[in-house]
């Protein structure tokens, strides 16, 4: 286990959306290993929930519960948060709004329906989660919400306009709400996963050589949670451009990406994007 300080989270309850695969599943595993009291793994994929839910219950018993939830429907999110609160005995300490997808495609080909699908999953699902859990956290005197954004919120790659826009919007929502709920002892943070070998690449084996494992990403995120970071960066590259999102060199980098993707190399990303070794 790579966590440095997550032991401080011992005894906490946590809900993770998109929790049955990729970074969401890694967060669940790290939390359980770090002695979280109970966790809820919320996901739309029933098969993944069954597979990993059974596996984790064999190891951790009744500390884990899987809940099927389509997070693009607000009523479903409210119901899931209600079930989680009941499972936890009324208290929800941590909510990870992690569900999302890396929408790609040419801007000129995107319809209003395409944009709605992207915002429903990458933005409104987190909004629904916040609306549902904040009354619980206010009543109990505190809590923590972590919204998974992406480095693309700071470095908006071409041919991923929907992904860029939704994650930038989610970052804005997160950090505005962070200040608004500060005096309620509710900590709200954005978290980038960093470059991670998950199904976001189609096949995790297709990820760049510099990609970290989901457990490494989850470890970085949870250490940021412990330290209540405003923006939690999943790796050094996300941190570099997150702190310096207006560097002029990004024009050179991103126009080269656009040229390659226009040729049909839609998955092209220049790693490392600054031309230097990390």
C-alpha atoms as a PDB file:
ATOM      1  CA  UNK A   1       0.000   0.000   0.000  1.00  0.00           C
ATOM      2  CA  UNK A   2       1.396   3.370  -1.066  1.00  0.00           C
ATOM      3  CA  UNK A   3      -0.551   5.637   1.269  1.00  0.00           C
ATOM      4  CA  UNK A   4       1.531   7.845   3.505  1.00  0.00           C
ATOM      5  CA  UNK A   5      -1.044   9.198   5.935  1.00  0.00           C
ATOM      6  CA  UNK A   6      -4.391   7.617   5.108  1.00  0.00           C
ATOM      7  CA  UNK A   7      -4.380   5.891   8.493  1.00  0.00           C
ATOM      8  CA  UNK A   8      -5.866   9.150   9.737  1.00  0.00           C
ATOM      9  CA  UNK A   9      -9.012   8.167   7.845  1.00  0.00           C
ATOM     10  CA  UNK A  10      -9.521   5.064  10.019  1.00  0.00           C
ATOM     11  CA  UNK A  11     -13.142   4.656  10.997  1.00  0.00           C
ATOM     12  CA  UNK A  12     -14.555   6.829   8.214  1.00  0.00           C
ATOM     13  CA  UNK A  13     -17.437   5.868   5.919  1.00  0.00           C
ATOM     14  CA  UNK A  14     -17.131   6.518   2.188  1.00  0.00           C
ATOM     15  CA  UNK A  15     -19.193   6.389  -0.999  1.00  0.00           C
ATOM     16  CA  UNK A  16     -17.412   6.034  -4.358  1.00  0.00           C
ATOM     17  CA  UNK A  17     -19.295   6.381  -7.655  1.00  0.00           C
ATOM     18  CA  UNK A  18     -17.862   4.551 -10.630  1.00  0.00           C
ATOM     19  CA  UNK A  19     -16.555   2.321  -7.869  1.00  0.00           C
ATOM     20  CA  UNK A  20     -16.553  -1.060  -9.605  1.00  0.00           C
ATOM     21  CA  UNK A  21     -13.680  -0.465 -12.013  1.00  0.00           C
ATOM     22  CA  UNK A  22     -10.540   1.569 -12.626  1.00  0.00           C
ATOM     23  CA  UNK A  23      -9.629   4.328 -10.191  1.00  0.00           C
ATOM     24  CA  UNK A  24     -12.973   4.063  -8.393  1.00  0.00           C
ATOM     25  CA  UNK A  25     -12.319   0.428  -7.544  1.00  0.00           C
ATOM     26  CA  UNK A  26      -8.761   1.288  -6.509  1.00  0.00           C
ATOM     27  CA  UNK A  27     -10.137   3.951  -4.148  1.00  0.00           C
ATOM     28  CA  UNK A  28     -12.471   1.361  -2.623  1.00  0.00           C
ATOM     29  CA  UNK A  29      -9.590  -1.083  -2.142  1.00  0.00           C
ATOM     30  CA  UNK A  30      -7.280   1.523  -0.626  1.00  0.00           C
ATOM     31  CA  UNK A  31      -9.984   2.749   1.753  1.00  0.00           C
ATOM     32  CA  UNK A  32     -10.776  -0.759   2.950  1.00  0.00           C
ATOM     33  CA  UNK A  33      -7.114  -1.604   3.373  1.00  0.00           C
ATOM     34  CA  UNK A  34      -6.710   1.632   5.334  1.00  0.00           C
ATOM     35  CA  UNK A  35      -9.419   0.505   7.772  1.00  0.00           C
ATOM     36  CA  UNK A  36     -12.288   2.686   6.621  1.00  0.00           C
ATOM     37  CA  UNK A  37     -15.306   1.622   8.687  1.00  0.00           C
ATOM     38  CA  UNK A  38     -17.594   0.928   5.718  1.00  0.00           C
ATOM     39  CA  UNK A  39     -17.649   1.776   2.009  1.00  0.00           C
ATOM     40  CA  UNK A  40     -20.313   1.846  -0.685  1.00  0.00           C
ATOM     41  CA  UNK A  41     -19.289   0.939  -4.208  1.00  0.00           C
ATOM     42  CA  UNK A  42     -21.810   2.589  -6.545  1.00  0.00           C
ATOM     43  CA  UNK A  43     -21.727   1.724 -10.233  1.00  0.00           C
ATOM     44  CA  UNK A  44     -24.029   1.225 -13.208  1.00  0.00           C
ATOM     45  CA  UNK A  45     -22.299  -2.047 -14.179  1.00  0.00           C
ATOM     46  CA  UNK A  46     -24.060  -4.865 -12.323  1.00  0.00           C
ATOM     47  CA  UNK A  47     -21.571  -7.513 -13.479  1.00  0.00           C
ATOM     48  CA  UNK A  48     -18.584  -5.559 -12.156  1.00  0.00           C
ATOM     49  CA  UNK A  49     -20.399  -4.878  -8.902  1.00  0.00           C
ATOM     50  CA  UNK A  50     -21.136  -8.576  -8.445  1.00  0.00           C
ATOM     51  CA  UNK A  51     -17.599  -9.662  -9.294  1.00  0.00           C
ATOM     52  CA  UNK A  52     -15.722  -7.171  -7.146  1.00  0.00           C
ATOM     53  CA  UNK A  53     -18.359  -6.936  -4.441  1.00  0.00           C
ATOM     54  CA  UNK A  54     -18.158 -10.671  -3.787  1.00  0.00           C
ATOM     55  CA  UNK A  55     -14.366 -10.627  -3.867  1.00  0.00           C
ATOM     56  CA  UNK A  56     -14.117  -7.744  -1.414  1.00  0.00           C
ATOM     57  CA  UNK A  57     -16.781  -9.155   0.909  1.00  0.00           C
ATOM     58  CA  UNK A  58     -14.755 -12.343   1.213  1.00  0.00           C
ATOM     59  CA  UNK A  59     -11.856 -10.246   2.481  1.00  0.00           C
ATOM     60  CA  UNK A  60     -13.617  -7.436   4.350  1.00  0.00           C
ATOM     61  CA  UNK A  61     -17.028  -8.867   5.224  1.00  0.00           C
ATOM     62  CA  UNK A  62     -19.903  -6.457   5.806  1.00  0.00           C
ATOM     63  CA  UNK A  63     -17.680  -3.379   5.512  1.00  0.00           C
ATOM     64  CA  UNK A  64     -18.480  -3.115   1.792  1.00  0.00           C
ATOM     65  CA  UNK A  65     -21.777  -2.783  -0.065  1.00  0.00           C
ATOM     66  CA  UNK A  66     -22.415  -2.554  -3.810  1.00  0.00           C
ATOM     67  CA  UNK A  67     -25.288  -0.404  -5.108  1.00  0.00           C
ATOM     68  CA  UNK A  68     -26.374  -0.237  -8.742  1.00  0.00           C
ATOM     69  CA  UNK A  69     -26.803   3.407  -9.680  1.00  0.00           C
ATOM     70  CA  UNK A  70     -27.145   5.372 -12.902  1.00  0.00           C
ATOM     71  CA  UNK A  71     -25.620   8.616 -11.675  1.00  0.00           C
ATOM     72  CA  UNK A  72     -27.026  10.602 -14.614  1.00  0.00           C
ATOM     73  CA  UNK A  73     -30.484  10.383 -12.990  1.00  0.00           C
ATOM     74  CA  UNK A  74     -30.835  12.585  -9.903  1.00  0.00           C
ATOM     75  CA  UNK A  75     -33.529  10.454  -8.268  1.00  0.00           C
ATOM     76  CA  UNK A  76     -31.240   7.418  -8.504  1.00  0.00           C
ATOM     77  CA  UNK A  77     -28.375   9.332  -6.884  1.00  0.00           C
ATOM     78  CA  UNK A  78     -30.597  10.511  -4.033  1.00  0.00           C
ATOM     79  CA  UNK A  79     -31.781   6.944  -3.475  1.00  0.00           C
ATOM     80  CA  UNK A  80     -28.205   5.609  -3.513  1.00  0.00           C
ATOM     81  CA  UNK A  81     -27.041   8.215  -0.980  1.00  0.00           C
ATOM     82  CA  UNK A  82     -30.031   7.311   1.207  1.00  0.00           C
ATOM     83  CA  UNK A  83     -29.134   3.608   1.048  1.00  0.00           C
ATOM     84  CA  UNK A  84     -25.520   4.424   1.846  1.00  0.00           C
ATOM     85  CA  UNK A  85     -26.496   6.513   4.868  1.00  0.00           C
ATOM     86  CA  UNK A  86     -28.664   3.656   6.133  1.00  0.00           C
ATOM     87  CA  UNK A  87     -25.812   1.153   5.620  1.00  0.00           C
ATOM     88  CA  UNK A  88     -23.455   3.465   7.496  1.00  0.00           C
ATOM     89  CA  UNK A  89     -25.828   4.043  10.387  1.00  0.00           C
ATOM     90  CA  UNK A  90     -26.766   7.555   9.331  1.00  0.00           C
ATOM     91  CA  UNK A  91     -23.343   9.112   8.768  1.00  0.00           C
ATOM     92  CA  UNK A  92     -21.491   9.738   5.475  1.00  0.00           C
ATOM     93  CA  UNK A  93     -17.951  11.034   5.972  1.00  0.00           C
ATOM     94  CA  UNK A  94     -16.596  10.914   2.419  1.00  0.00           C
ATOM     95  CA  UNK A  95     -18.181  11.121  -1.027  1.00  0.00           C
ATOM     96  CA  UNK A  96     -16.049  10.524  -4.102  1.00  0.00           C
ATOM     97  CA  UNK A  97     -17.922  11.691  -7.213  1.00  0.00           C
ATOM     98  CA  UNK A  98     -15.681   9.635  -9.465  1.00  0.00           C
ATOM     99  CA  UNK A  99     -17.947   8.344 -12.271  1.00  0.00           C
ATOM    100  CA  UNK A 100     -17.134   9.785 -15.690  1.00  0.00           C
ATOM    101  CA  UNK A 101     -15.854   9.160 -19.200  1.00  0.00           C
ATOM    102  CA  UNK A 102     -13.298  10.671 -21.585  1.00  0.00           C
ATOM    103  CA  UNK A 103     -15.510  11.816 -24.432  1.00  0.00           C
ATOM    104  CA  UNK A 104     -13.675  12.286 -27.735  1.00  0.00           C
ATOM    105  CA  UNK A 105     -14.517  13.456 -31.243  1.00  0.00           C
ATOM    106  CA  UNK A 106     -14.369  16.458 -33.543  1.00  0.00           C
ATOM    107  CA  UNK A 107     -16.155  19.554 -32.252  1.00  0.00           C
ATOM    108  CA  UNK A 108     -17.980  20.080 -35.557  1.00  0.00           C
ATOM    109  CA  UNK A 109     -19.507  16.615 -35.356  1.00  0.00           C
ATOM    110  CA  UNK A 110     -20.971  17.014 -31.873  1.00  0.00           C
ATOM    111  CA  UNK A 111     -24.737  17.450 -31.585  1.00  0.00           C
ATOM    112  CA  UNK A 112     -26.681  18.931 -28.674  1.00  0.00           C
ATOM    113  CA  UNK A 113     -27.536  15.359 -27.681  1.00  0.00           C
ATOM    114  CA  UNK A 114     -23.828  14.484 -27.575  1.00  0.00           C
ATOM    115  CA  UNK A 115     -23.117  17.457 -25.326  1.00  0.00           C
ATOM    116  CA  UNK A 116     -26.003  16.538 -23.025  1.00  0.00           C
ATOM    117  CA  UNK A 117     -24.702  12.991 -22.618  1.00  0.00           C
ATOM    118  CA  UNK A 118     -21.267  14.313 -21.649  1.00  0.00           C
ATOM    119  CA  UNK A 119     -22.545  16.884 -19.162  1.00  0.00           C
ATOM    120  CA  UNK A 120     -25.036  14.443 -17.655  1.00  0.00           C
ATOM    121  CA  UNK A 121     -22.243  12.013 -16.769  1.00  0.00           C
ATOM    122  CA  UNK A 122     -19.214  14.220 -16.128  1.00  0.00           C
ATOM    123  CA  UNK A 123     -20.876  17.229 -14.517  1.00  0.00           C
ATOM    124  CA  UNK A 124     -24.452  16.709 -13.391  1.00  0.00           C
ATOM    125  CA  UNK A 125     -23.741  13.345 -11.737  1.00  0.00           C
ATOM    126  CA  UNK A 126     -21.366  15.097  -9.326  1.00  0.00           C
ATOM    127  CA  UNK A 127     -23.823  17.957  -8.861  1.00  0.00           C
ATOM    128  CA  UNK A 128     -26.521  15.423  -7.960  1.00  0.00           C
ATOM    129  CA  UNK A 129     -24.177  13.701  -5.519  1.00  0.00           C
ATOM    130  CA  UNK A 130     -23.350  16.981  -3.810  1.00  0.00           C
ATOM    131  CA  UNK A 131     -27.017  17.988  -3.544  1.00  0.00           C
ATOM    132  CA  UNK A 132     -27.887  14.631  -2.011  1.00  0.00           C
ATOM    133  CA  UNK A 133     -25.053  14.380   0.516  1.00  0.00           C
ATOM    134  CA  UNK A 134     -24.619  17.978   1.678  1.00  0.00           C
ATOM    135  CA  UNK A 135     -27.734  17.992   3.910  1.00  0.00           C
ATOM    136  CA  UNK A 136     -26.383  14.852   5.623  1.00  0.00           C
ATOM    137  CA  UNK A 137     -22.957  16.392   6.122  1.00  0.00           C
ATOM    138  CA  UNK A 138     -24.324  19.729   7.345  1.00  0.00           C
ATOM    139  CA  UNK A 139     -26.513  17.947   9.878  1.00  0.00           C
ATOM    140  CA  UNK A 140     -23.676  15.765  11.178  1.00  0.00           C
ATOM    141  CA  UNK A 141     -21.303  18.737  11.448  1.00  0.00           C
ATOM    142  CA  UNK A 142     -18.849  18.003   8.662  1.00  0.00           C
ATOM    143  CA  UNK A 143     -17.673  15.752   5.872  1.00  0.00           C
ATOM    144  CA  UNK A 144     -15.609  15.669   2.731  1.00  0.00           C
ATOM    145  CA  UNK A 145     -16.473  15.620  -0.985  1.00  0.00           C
ATOM    146  CA  UNK A 146     -13.944  14.840  -3.708  1.00  0.00           C
ATOM    147  CA  UNK A 147     -14.903  15.423  -7.343  1.00  0.00           C
ATOM    148  CA  UNK A 148     -12.778  13.679  -9.963  1.00  0.00           C
ATOM    149  CA  UNK A 149     -11.824  16.150 -12.653  1.00  0.00           C
ATOM    150  CA  UNK A 150      -8.874  15.638 -15.022  1.00  0.00           C
ATOM    151  CA  UNK A 151      -5.699  17.356 -16.094  1.00  0.00           C
ATOM    152  CA  UNK A 152      -7.669  18.188 -19.242  1.00  0.00           C
ATOM    153  CA  UNK A 153      -9.477  20.852 -17.184  1.00  0.00           C
ATOM    154  CA  UNK A 154      -6.175  22.777 -17.270  1.00  0.00           C
ATOM    155  CA  UNK A 155      -4.772  21.460 -20.571  1.00  0.00           C
ATOM    156  CA  UNK A 156      -7.809  21.185 -22.881  1.00  0.00           C
ATOM    157  CA  UNK A 157      -6.791  18.732 -25.590  1.00  0.00           C
ATOM    158  CA  UNK A 158      -8.196  19.120 -29.119  1.00  0.00           C
ATOM    159  CA  UNK A 159     -10.772  16.600 -30.296  1.00  0.00           C
ATOM    160  CA  UNK A 160     -11.888  16.310 -26.678  1.00  0.00           C
ATOM    161  CA  UNK A 161     -13.948  19.477 -26.365  1.00  0.00           C
ATOM    162  CA  UNK A 162     -16.718  17.769 -24.389  1.00  0.00           C
ATOM    163  CA  UNK A 163     -14.293  16.166 -21.956  1.00  0.00           C
ATOM    164  CA  UNK A 164     -12.399  19.433 -21.517  1.00  0.00           C
ATOM    165  CA  UNK A 165     -15.521  21.525 -20.993  1.00  0.00           C
ATOM    166  CA  UNK A 166     -17.229  19.154 -18.575  1.00  0.00           C
ATOM    167  CA  UNK A 167     -14.169  18.721 -16.369  1.00  0.00           C
ATOM    168  CA  UNK A 168     -13.404  22.449 -16.350  1.00  0.00           C
ATOM    169  CA  UNK A 169     -17.011  23.131 -15.353  1.00  0.00           C
ATOM    170  CA  UNK A 170     -16.816  20.540 -12.584  1.00  0.00           C
ATOM    171  CA  UNK A 171     -13.617  22.093 -11.271  1.00  0.00           C
ATOM    172  CA  UNK A 172     -15.316  25.494 -11.131  1.00  0.00           C
ATOM    173  CA  UNK A 173     -18.320  24.082  -9.285  1.00  0.00           C
ATOM    174  CA  UNK A 174     -16.082  22.235  -6.835  1.00  0.00           C
ATOM    175  CA  UNK A 175     -13.848  25.120  -5.868  1.00  0.00           C
ATOM    176  CA  UNK A 176     -16.691  27.605  -5.596  1.00  0.00           C
ATOM    177  CA  UNK A 177     -18.594  25.245  -3.298  1.00  0.00           C
ATOM    178  CA  UNK A 178     -15.410  24.613  -1.286  1.00  0.00           C
ATOM    179  CA  UNK A 179     -15.416  28.212  -0.070  1.00  0.00           C
ATOM    180  CA  UNK A 180     -19.182  28.273   0.397  1.00  0.00           C
ATOM    181  CA  UNK A 181     -19.209  25.267   2.751  1.00  0.00           C
ATOM    182  CA  UNK A 182     -15.902  25.941   4.528  1.00  0.00           C
ATOM    183  CA  UNK A 183     -17.588  27.278   7.677  1.00  0.00           C
ATOM    184  CA  UNK A 184     -19.795  24.177   7.787  1.00  0.00           C
ATOM    185  CA  UNK A 185     -16.656  22.056   8.245  1.00  0.00           C
ATOM    186  CA  UNK A 186     -17.258  20.411   4.886  1.00  0.00           C
ATOM    187  CA  UNK A 187     -14.100  19.995   2.822  1.00  0.00           C
ATOM    188  CA  UNK A 188     -14.595  19.948  -0.945  1.00  0.00           C
ATOM    189  CA  UNK A 189     -11.739  19.213  -3.367  1.00  0.00           C
ATOM    190  CA  UNK A 190     -11.071  18.551  -7.031  1.00  0.00           C
ATOM    191  CA  UNK A 191      -8.856  15.578  -7.866  1.00  0.00           C
ATOM    192  CA  UNK A 192      -7.074  14.702 -11.082  1.00  0.00           C
ATOM    193  CA  UNK A 193      -6.193  11.010 -11.458  1.00  0.00           C
ATOM    194  CA  UNK A 194      -3.022  11.699 -13.430  1.00  0.00           C
ATOM    195  CA  UNK A 195      -2.007   9.516 -16.368  1.00  0.00           C
ATOM    196  CA  UNK A 196      -3.287   6.113 -15.272  1.00  0.00           C
ATOM    197  CA  UNK A 197      -3.575   2.726 -16.973  1.00  0.00           C
ATOM    198  CA  UNK A 198      -7.344   2.189 -16.995  1.00  0.00           C
ATOM    199  CA  UNK A 199     -10.031   1.417 -19.564  1.00  0.00           C
ATOM    200  CA  UNK A 200     -10.037   5.112 -20.491  1.00  0.00           C
ATOM    201  CA  UNK A 201      -7.378   4.057 -23.031  1.00  0.00           C
ATOM    202  CA  UNK A 202      -9.645   1.342 -24.455  1.00  0.00           C
ATOM    203  CA  UNK A 203      -7.250  -1.278 -23.127  1.00  0.00           C
ATOM    204  CA  UNK A 204      -5.172  -0.403 -20.026  1.00  0.00           C
ATOM    205  CA  UNK A 205      -2.188  -2.002 -21.788  1.00  0.00           C
ATOM    206  CA  UNK A 206      -2.455   0.749 -24.434  1.00  0.00           C
ATOM    207  CA  UNK A 207      -1.674   3.445 -21.868  1.00  0.00           C
ATOM    208  CA  UNK A 208       1.623   5.388 -22.230  1.00  0.00           C
ATOM    209  CA  UNK A 209       4.699   3.924 -20.586  1.00  0.00           C
ATOM    210  CA  UNK A 210       4.678   6.667 -17.967  1.00  0.00           C
ATOM    211  CA  UNK A 211       1.171   5.710 -16.804  1.00  0.00           C
ATOM    212  CA  UNK A 212       0.779   4.736 -13.162  1.00  0.00           C
ATOM    213  CA  UNK A 213      -1.455   1.983 -11.818  1.00  0.00           C
ATOM    214  CA  UNK A 214      -4.952   2.737 -10.506  1.00  0.00           C
ATOM    215  CA  UNK A 215      -3.764   1.951  -6.977  1.00  0.00           C
ATOM    216  CA  UNK A 216      -0.958   4.493  -7.301  1.00  0.00           C
ATOM    217  CA  UNK A 217      -3.457   7.107  -8.494  1.00  0.00           C
ATOM    218  CA  UNK A 218      -5.832   6.272  -5.641  1.00  0.00           C
ATOM    219  CA  UNK A 219      -2.957   6.579  -3.177  1.00  0.00           C
ATOM    220  CA  UNK A 220      -2.088  10.084  -4.412  1.00  0.00           C
ATOM    221  CA  UNK A 221      -5.727  11.136  -4.273  1.00  0.00           C
ATOM    222  CA  UNK A 222      -6.268   9.835  -0.740  1.00  0.00           C
ATOM    223  CA  UNK A 223      -3.137  11.515   0.557  1.00  0.00           C
ATOM    224  CA  UNK A 224      -4.519  14.756  -0.873  1.00  0.00           C
ATOM    225  CA  UNK A 225      -7.814  14.035   0.876  1.00  0.00           C
ATOM    226  CA  UNK A 226      -6.062  13.602   4.224  1.00  0.00           C
ATOM    227  CA  UNK A 227      -4.319  16.939   3.744  1.00  0.00           C
ATOM    228  CA  UNK A 228      -7.467  18.708   2.486  1.00  0.00           C
ATOM    229  CA  UNK A 229      -5.803  19.906  -0.708  1.00  0.00           C
ATOM    230  CA  UNK A 230      -7.816  22.389  -2.749  1.00  0.00           C
ATOM    231  CA  UNK A 231      -6.845  20.608  -5.965  1.00  0.00           C
ATOM    232  CA  UNK A 232      -5.355  17.138  -5.643  1.00  0.00           C
ATOM    233  CA  UNK A 233      -2.981  16.342  -8.497  1.00  0.00           C
ATOM    234  CA  UNK A 234      -2.637  12.688  -9.401  1.00  0.00           C
ATOM    235  CA  UNK A 235       0.850  12.997 -10.843  1.00  0.00           C
ATOM    236  CA  UNK A 236       3.642  15.519 -11.461  1.00  0.00           C
ATOM    237  CA  UNK A 237       2.557  16.357 -15.009  1.00  0.00           C
ATOM    238  CA  UNK A 238      -0.964  17.280 -13.927  1.00  0.00           C
ATOM    239  CA  UNK A 239       0.558  19.410 -11.164  1.00  0.00           C
ATOM    240  CA  UNK A 240       2.910  21.226 -13.539  1.00  0.00           C
ATOM    241  CA  UNK A 241       0.192  22.377 -15.924  1.00  0.00           C
ATOM    242  CA  UNK A 242      -2.446  22.705 -13.227  1.00  0.00           C
ATOM    243  CA  UNK A 243      -0.300  25.347 -11.557  1.00  0.00           C
ATOM    244  CA  UNK A 244       0.706  26.898 -14.893  1.00  0.00           C
ATOM    245  CA  UNK A 245      -2.267  26.417 -17.236  1.00  0.00           C
ATOM    246  CA  UNK A 246      -1.532  29.483 -19.347  1.00  0.00           C
ATOM    247  CA  UNK A 247       2.022  28.680 -20.405  1.00  0.00           C
ATOM    248  CA  UNK A 248       2.521  29.681 -24.024  1.00  0.00           C
ATOM    249  CA  UNK A 249       4.281  26.394 -24.747  1.00  0.00           C
ATOM    250  CA  UNK A 250       0.880  24.742 -24.546  1.00  0.00           C
ATOM    251  CA  UNK A 251      -0.075  26.318 -27.879  1.00  0.00           C
ATOM    252  CA  UNK A 252       2.813  24.476 -29.519  1.00  0.00           C
ATOM    253  CA  UNK A 253       2.022  21.224 -27.779  1.00  0.00           C
ATOM    254  CA  UNK A 254      -1.714  21.238 -28.373  1.00  0.00           C
ATOM    255  CA  UNK A 255      -1.580  22.358 -31.989  1.00  0.00           C
ATOM    256  CA  UNK A 256       0.776  19.453 -32.691  1.00  0.00           C
ATOM    257  CA  UNK A 257      -1.736  17.144 -31.033  1.00  0.00           C
ATOM    258  CA  UNK A 258      -4.517  18.605 -33.178  1.00  0.00           C
ATOM    259  CA  UNK A 259      -2.483  18.035 -36.351  1.00  0.00           C
ATOM    260  CA  UNK A 260      -1.898  14.390 -35.502  1.00  0.00           C
ATOM    261  CA  UNK A 261      -5.479  13.768 -34.492  1.00  0.00           C
ATOM    262  CA  UNK A 262      -6.769  15.432 -37.645  1.00  0.00           C
ATOM    263  CA  UNK A 263      -4.718  12.895 -39.606  1.00  0.00           C
ATOM    264  CA  UNK A 264      -6.637  10.132 -37.850  1.00  0.00           C
ATOM    265  CA  UNK A 265      -4.232   9.449 -35.003  1.00  0.00           C
ATOM    266  CA  UNK A 266      -7.024  10.264 -32.557  1.00  0.00           C
ATOM    267  CA  UNK A 267      -5.277   8.777 -29.549  1.00  0.00           C
ATOM    268  CA  UNK A 268      -2.076  10.765 -30.051  1.00  0.00           C
ATOM    269  CA  UNK A 269      -0.681  12.364 -26.907  1.00  0.00           C
ATOM    270  CA  UNK A 270       2.953  13.542 -26.786  1.00  0.00           C
ATOM    271  CA  UNK A 271       4.306  11.926 -23.628  1.00  0.00           C
ATOM    272  CA  UNK A 272       5.894  13.541 -21.780  1.00  0.00           C
ATOM    273  CA  UNK A 273       4.057  16.539 -23.207  1.00  0.00           C
ATOM    274  CA  UNK A 274       6.801  19.019 -22.392  1.00  0.00           C
ATOM    275  CA  UNK A 275       9.421  17.021 -24.248  1.00  0.00           C
ATOM    276  CA  UNK A 276      11.333  16.196 -21.073  1.00  0.00           C
ATOM    277  CA  UNK A 277      11.620  13.117 -18.947  1.00  0.00           C
ATOM    278  CA  UNK A 278       9.726  13.193 -15.651  1.00  0.00           C
END
